[in-house]
């Protein structure tokens, strides 16, 4: 249960802090902006703009800057972490472990999914291990796919090879019985 403070009325800052303005906006007003709105607002500040652009690139244009972490889906939280990593200079010695990375995305929102896929592919000089239950997602994101059943690898193939296996088995992915 969240109860707004009687003094600040839920704005989270004292009166003195709320009197300070940047381009006419208080800190509270800035924190209620979406990432998309904030990227326009901070366009003239390269270091802030770059951070916001990575959030846009992974499909998080709609979250607000001050959004509580407890209101984010697992996929959104993971994509914030990915955006943070993408804003760093690549070292070529990075392993990313992505657990259901598009969880929380509206499947009808192809723009968000496509932005996320493109950003993952842009991570050069890295290795990516992805867990997903969505074979279409795996097809878009992966060079190789391993299917596990009970902790055992039952398939290790390229997306094209896996599609052929699934077609051969009448639409069923490989299992230990295959």
C-alpha atoms as a PDB file:
ATOM      1  CA  UNK A   1       0.000   0.000   0.000  1.00  0.00           C
ATOM      2  CA  UNK A   2       1.317   3.389  -0.995  1.00  0.00           C
ATOM      3  CA  UNK A   3       0.125   6.400   0.960  1.00  0.00           C
ATOM      4  CA  UNK A   4       1.092   9.851  -0.364  1.00  0.00           C
ATOM      5  CA  UNK A   5       2.953  12.048   2.092  1.00  0.00           C
ATOM      6  CA  UNK A   6       0.777  14.776   3.655  1.00  0.00           C
ATOM      7  CA  UNK A   7       3.562  17.342   3.210  1.00  0.00           C
ATOM      8  CA  UNK A   8       4.737  16.756  -0.393  1.00  0.00           C
ATOM      9  CA  UNK A   9       1.460  15.195  -1.650  1.00  0.00           C
ATOM     10  CA  UNK A  10       3.340  12.318  -3.286  1.00  0.00           C
ATOM     11  CA  UNK A  11       5.885  14.465  -5.126  1.00  0.00           C
ATOM     12  CA  UNK A  12       8.737  12.940  -3.049  1.00  0.00           C
ATOM     13  CA  UNK A  13      10.654  16.198  -2.538  1.00  0.00           C
ATOM     14  CA  UNK A  14      10.462  19.074  -0.100  1.00  0.00           C
ATOM     15  CA  UNK A  15       9.191  22.523  -1.083  1.00  0.00           C
ATOM     16  CA  UNK A  16      12.682  23.978  -1.469  1.00  0.00           C
ATOM     17  CA  UNK A  17      13.724  21.262  -3.908  1.00  0.00           C
ATOM     18  CA  UNK A  18      10.497  21.618  -5.891  1.00  0.00           C
ATOM     19  CA  UNK A  19      11.158  25.355  -6.307  1.00  0.00           C
ATOM     20  CA  UNK A  20      14.236  24.570  -8.443  1.00  0.00           C
ATOM     21  CA  UNK A  21      13.379  24.366 -12.128  1.00  0.00           C
ATOM     22  CA  UNK A  22      15.176  23.327 -15.289  1.00  0.00           C
ATOM     23  CA  UNK A  23      13.619  24.577 -18.526  1.00  0.00           C
ATOM     24  CA  UNK A  24      10.540  25.405 -16.472  1.00  0.00           C
ATOM     25  CA  UNK A  25      10.132  21.907 -14.993  1.00  0.00           C
ATOM     26  CA  UNK A  26      10.545  20.706 -11.401  1.00  0.00           C
ATOM     27  CA  UNK A  27      12.253  17.415 -10.575  1.00  0.00           C
ATOM     28  CA  UNK A  28       8.807  15.912  -9.976  1.00  0.00           C
ATOM     29  CA  UNK A  29       7.609  16.986 -13.445  1.00  0.00           C
ATOM     30  CA  UNK A  30      10.765  15.580 -15.058  1.00  0.00           C
ATOM     31  CA  UNK A  31      10.313  12.246 -13.290  1.00  0.00           C
ATOM     32  CA  UNK A  32       6.745  11.939 -14.624  1.00  0.00           C
ATOM     33  CA  UNK A  33       8.011  12.224 -18.223  1.00  0.00           C
ATOM     34  CA  UNK A  34       8.184   9.117 -20.377  1.00  0.00           C
ATOM     35  CA  UNK A  35      11.577   8.143 -21.748  1.00  0.00           C
ATOM     36  CA  UNK A  36      10.422   9.400 -25.140  1.00  0.00           C
ATOM     37  CA  UNK A  37       9.390  12.803 -23.738  1.00  0.00           C
ATOM     38  CA  UNK A  38      12.592  13.073 -21.709  1.00  0.00           C
ATOM     39  CA  UNK A  39      14.794  12.296 -24.716  1.00  0.00           C
ATOM     40  CA  UNK A  40      13.343  15.366 -26.465  1.00  0.00           C
ATOM     41  CA  UNK A  41      13.543  17.466 -23.284  1.00  0.00           C
ATOM     42  CA  UNK A  42      17.230  16.598 -22.689  1.00  0.00           C
ATOM     43  CA  UNK A  43      18.246  16.568 -26.359  1.00  0.00           C
ATOM     44  CA  UNK A  44      20.893  19.267 -25.780  1.00  0.00           C
ATOM     45  CA  UNK A  45      22.691  17.252 -23.059  1.00  0.00           C
ATOM     46  CA  UNK A  46      24.591  14.456 -24.865  1.00  0.00           C
ATOM     47  CA  UNK A  47      25.379  12.305 -21.819  1.00  0.00           C
ATOM     48  CA  UNK A  48      21.701  12.183 -20.774  1.00  0.00           C
ATOM     49  CA  UNK A  49      20.447  11.871 -24.355  1.00  0.00           C
ATOM     50  CA  UNK A  50      22.674   8.796 -24.978  1.00  0.00           C
ATOM     51  CA  UNK A  51      21.343   7.014 -21.878  1.00  0.00           C
ATOM     52  CA  UNK A  52      17.753   7.757 -22.893  1.00  0.00           C
ATOM     53  CA  UNK A  53      18.410   6.627 -26.480  1.00  0.00           C
ATOM     54  CA  UNK A  54      19.488   3.193 -25.265  1.00  0.00           C
ATOM     55  CA  UNK A  55      16.205   2.890 -23.345  1.00  0.00           C
ATOM     56  CA  UNK A  56      14.368   3.851 -26.543  1.00  0.00           C
ATOM     57  CA  UNK A  57      16.415   1.310 -28.509  1.00  0.00           C
ATOM     58  CA  UNK A  58      15.301  -1.576 -26.283  1.00  0.00           C
ATOM     59  CA  UNK A  59      11.632  -0.610 -26.571  1.00  0.00           C
ATOM     60  CA  UNK A  60      11.074   1.235 -23.303  1.00  0.00           C
ATOM     61  CA  UNK A  61       9.835   4.579 -24.675  1.00  0.00           C
ATOM     62  CA  UNK A  62       6.683   4.388 -22.558  1.00  0.00           C
ATOM     63  CA  UNK A  63       8.092   3.991 -19.030  1.00  0.00           C
ATOM     64  CA  UNK A  64       8.488   7.097 -16.885  1.00  0.00           C
ATOM     65  CA  UNK A  65      11.805   8.267 -15.495  1.00  0.00           C
ATOM     66  CA  UNK A  66      10.542   8.069 -11.919  1.00  0.00           C
ATOM     67  CA  UNK A  67       8.678   4.785 -12.310  1.00  0.00           C
ATOM     68  CA  UNK A  68       9.057   2.525  -9.303  1.00  0.00           C
ATOM     69  CA  UNK A  69      11.061  -0.624  -9.965  1.00  0.00           C
ATOM     70  CA  UNK A  70       8.308  -2.639  -8.282  1.00  0.00           C
ATOM     71  CA  UNK A  71       5.913  -1.715 -11.117  1.00  0.00           C
ATOM     72  CA  UNK A  72       8.175  -3.036 -13.887  1.00  0.00           C
ATOM     73  CA  UNK A  73       7.666  -6.459 -15.439  1.00  0.00           C
ATOM     74  CA  UNK A  74      10.608  -8.859 -15.368  1.00  0.00           C
ATOM     75  CA  UNK A  75      11.237  -8.212 -19.067  1.00  0.00           C
ATOM     76  CA  UNK A  76      11.181  -4.444 -18.573  1.00  0.00           C
ATOM     77  CA  UNK A  77      13.628  -4.637 -15.672  1.00  0.00           C
ATOM     78  CA  UNK A  78      15.903  -6.872 -17.725  1.00  0.00           C
ATOM     79  CA  UNK A  79      15.782  -4.470 -20.677  1.00  0.00           C
ATOM     80  CA  UNK A  80      16.749  -1.572 -18.381  1.00  0.00           C
ATOM     81  CA  UNK A  81      19.814  -3.589 -17.392  1.00  0.00           C
ATOM     82  CA  UNK A  82      20.521  -4.314 -21.062  1.00  0.00           C
ATOM     83  CA  UNK A  83      20.200  -0.598 -21.902  1.00  0.00           C
ATOM     84  CA  UNK A  84      22.713   0.171 -19.154  1.00  0.00           C
ATOM     85  CA  UNK A  85      25.126  -2.386 -20.608  1.00  0.00           C
ATOM     86  CA  UNK A  86      24.598  -1.122 -24.163  1.00  0.00           C
ATOM     87  CA  UNK A  87      25.501   2.382 -23.096  1.00  0.00           C
ATOM     88  CA  UNK A  88      28.988   1.129 -22.138  1.00  0.00           C
ATOM     89  CA  UNK A  89      31.896   0.717 -24.558  1.00  0.00           C
ATOM     90  CA  UNK A  90      32.048  -2.957 -25.663  1.00  0.00           C
ATOM     91  CA  UNK A  91      35.101  -4.910 -24.494  1.00  0.00           C
ATOM     92  CA  UNK A  92      34.626  -8.028 -26.614  1.00  0.00           C
ATOM     93  CA  UNK A  93      34.799 -10.139 -23.468  1.00  0.00           C
ATOM     94  CA  UNK A  94      31.188 -10.000 -22.360  1.00  0.00           C
ATOM     95  CA  UNK A  95      28.695 -12.813 -21.893  1.00  0.00           C
ATOM     96  CA  UNK A  96      25.036 -11.800 -21.676  1.00  0.00           C
ATOM     97  CA  UNK A  97      22.548 -14.202 -20.096  1.00  0.00           C
ATOM     98  CA  UNK A  98      19.033 -13.165 -21.124  1.00  0.00           C
ATOM     99  CA  UNK A  99      16.135 -14.853 -19.361  1.00  0.00           C
ATOM    100  CA  UNK A 100      12.885 -14.440 -21.333  1.00  0.00           C
ATOM    101  CA  UNK A 101      13.972 -10.957 -22.535  1.00  0.00           C
ATOM    102  CA  UNK A 102      10.713  -9.937 -24.194  1.00  0.00           C
ATOM    103  CA  UNK A 103       8.535 -10.849 -21.199  1.00  0.00           C
ATOM    104  CA  UNK A 104       6.159  -7.987 -20.537  1.00  0.00           C
ATOM    105  CA  UNK A 105       6.125  -6.758 -24.111  1.00  0.00           C
ATOM    106  CA  UNK A 106       2.746  -6.653 -25.796  1.00  0.00           C
ATOM    107  CA  UNK A 107       3.080  -9.302 -28.556  1.00  0.00           C
ATOM    108  CA  UNK A 108       1.098  -7.028 -30.866  1.00  0.00           C
ATOM    109  CA  UNK A 109       3.700  -4.309 -30.390  1.00  0.00           C
ATOM    110  CA  UNK A 110       6.050  -5.291 -33.208  1.00  0.00           C
ATOM    111  CA  UNK A 111       7.908  -1.971 -32.928  1.00  0.00           C
ATOM    112  CA  UNK A 112       9.029  -2.701 -29.349  1.00  0.00           C
ATOM    113  CA  UNK A 113       9.961  -6.297 -30.151  1.00  0.00           C
ATOM    114  CA  UNK A 114      11.763  -5.296 -33.353  1.00  0.00           C
ATOM    115  CA  UNK A 115      13.692  -2.524 -31.546  1.00  0.00           C
ATOM    116  CA  UNK A 116      14.738  -4.998 -28.897  1.00  0.00           C
ATOM    117  CA  UNK A 117      15.823  -7.616 -31.441  1.00  0.00           C
ATOM    118  CA  UNK A 118      17.862  -5.077 -33.417  1.00  0.00           C
ATOM    119  CA  UNK A 119      19.586  -3.833 -30.269  1.00  0.00           C
ATOM    120  CA  UNK A 120      20.500  -7.361 -29.161  1.00  0.00           C
ATOM    121  CA  UNK A 121      21.970  -8.034 -32.599  1.00  0.00           C
ATOM    122  CA  UNK A 122      23.938  -4.772 -32.416  1.00  0.00           C
ATOM    123  CA  UNK A 123      25.870  -6.083 -29.392  1.00  0.00           C
ATOM    124  CA  UNK A 124      29.021  -6.980 -31.286  1.00  0.00           C
ATOM    125  CA  UNK A 125      31.981  -8.814 -29.794  1.00  0.00           C
ATOM    126  CA  UNK A 126      29.784 -10.477 -27.208  1.00  0.00           C
ATOM    127  CA  UNK A 127      28.284 -13.877 -26.558  1.00  0.00           C
ATOM    128  CA  UNK A 128      24.599 -14.143 -25.769  1.00  0.00           C
ATOM    129  CA  UNK A 129      22.802 -17.014 -24.047  1.00  0.00           C
ATOM    130  CA  UNK A 130      19.024 -16.683 -24.186  1.00  0.00           C
ATOM    131  CA  UNK A 131      16.273 -18.651 -22.484  1.00  0.00           C
ATOM    132  CA  UNK A 132      12.817 -18.468 -24.021  1.00  0.00           C
ATOM    133  CA  UNK A 133       9.739 -20.552 -24.626  1.00  0.00           C
ATOM    134  CA  UNK A 134       9.005 -18.651 -27.844  1.00  0.00           C
ATOM    135  CA  UNK A 135      10.578 -20.390 -30.855  1.00  0.00           C
ATOM    136  CA  UNK A 136       9.801 -17.394 -33.109  1.00  0.00           C
ATOM    137  CA  UNK A 137      11.722 -15.164 -30.704  1.00  0.00           C
ATOM    138  CA  UNK A 138      14.622 -17.634 -30.639  1.00  0.00           C
ATOM    139  CA  UNK A 139      14.604 -17.740 -34.437  1.00  0.00           C
ATOM    140  CA  UNK A 140      14.947 -13.938 -34.603  1.00  0.00           C
ATOM    141  CA  UNK A 141      17.603 -13.656 -31.887  1.00  0.00           C
ATOM    142  CA  UNK A 142      19.800 -16.740 -32.107  1.00  0.00           C
ATOM    143  CA  UNK A 143      22.458 -18.249 -34.329  1.00  0.00           C
ATOM    144  CA  UNK A 144      22.055 -21.621 -32.596  1.00  0.00           C
ATOM    145  CA  UNK A 145      19.279 -23.060 -30.488  1.00  0.00           C
ATOM    146  CA  UNK A 146      19.612 -25.724 -27.813  1.00  0.00           C
ATOM    147  CA  UNK A 147      16.412 -27.292 -26.517  1.00  0.00           C
ATOM    148  CA  UNK A 148      16.541 -28.747 -23.028  1.00  0.00           C
ATOM    149  CA  UNK A 149      14.180 -31.341 -21.594  1.00  0.00           C
ATOM    150  CA  UNK A 150      14.662 -32.304 -17.972  1.00  0.00           C
ATOM    151  CA  UNK A 151      18.121 -30.718 -17.988  1.00  0.00           C
ATOM    152  CA  UNK A 152      19.249 -32.745 -21.021  1.00  0.00           C
ATOM    153  CA  UNK A 153      20.019 -31.258 -24.432  1.00  0.00           C
ATOM    154  CA  UNK A 154      17.588 -32.837 -26.905  1.00  0.00           C
ATOM    155  CA  UNK A 155      18.366 -30.559 -29.840  1.00  0.00           C
ATOM    156  CA  UNK A 156      21.256 -28.318 -30.828  1.00  0.00           C
ATOM    157  CA  UNK A 157      20.732 -26.731 -34.217  1.00  0.00           C
ATOM    158  CA  UNK A 158      20.553 -23.568 -36.277  1.00  0.00           C
ATOM    159  CA  UNK A 159      17.099 -21.970 -36.450  1.00  0.00           C
ATOM    160  CA  UNK A 160      16.627 -23.365 -39.984  1.00  0.00           C
ATOM    161  CA  UNK A 161      17.610 -26.877 -38.890  1.00  0.00           C
ATOM    162  CA  UNK A 162      15.264 -26.664 -35.901  1.00  0.00           C
ATOM    163  CA  UNK A 163      12.374 -25.524 -38.114  1.00  0.00           C
ATOM    164  CA  UNK A 164      12.974 -28.566 -40.322  1.00  0.00           C
ATOM    165  CA  UNK A 165      12.938 -30.846 -37.245  1.00  0.00           C
ATOM    166  CA  UNK A 166       9.688 -29.283 -35.997  1.00  0.00           C
ATOM    167  CA  UNK A 167       8.090 -29.599 -39.451  1.00  0.00           C
ATOM    168  CA  UNK A 168       9.202 -33.248 -39.639  1.00  0.00           C
ATOM    169  CA  UNK A 169       7.663 -33.904 -36.212  1.00  0.00           C
ATOM    170  CA  UNK A 170       4.319 -32.315 -37.190  1.00  0.00           C
ATOM    171  CA  UNK A 171       4.823 -29.013 -35.355  1.00  0.00           C
ATOM    172  CA  UNK A 172       6.203 -30.402 -32.090  1.00  0.00           C
ATOM    173  CA  UNK A 173       9.594 -29.245 -30.802  1.00  0.00           C
ATOM    174  CA  UNK A 174      12.075 -32.041 -29.991  1.00  0.00           C
ATOM    175  CA  UNK A 175      11.752 -33.803 -26.626  1.00  0.00           C
ATOM    176  CA  UNK A 176      13.643 -36.628 -24.927  1.00  0.00           C
ATOM    177  CA  UNK A 177      11.241 -39.062 -26.594  1.00  0.00           C
ATOM    178  CA  UNK A 178      12.069 -37.684 -30.108  1.00  0.00           C
END
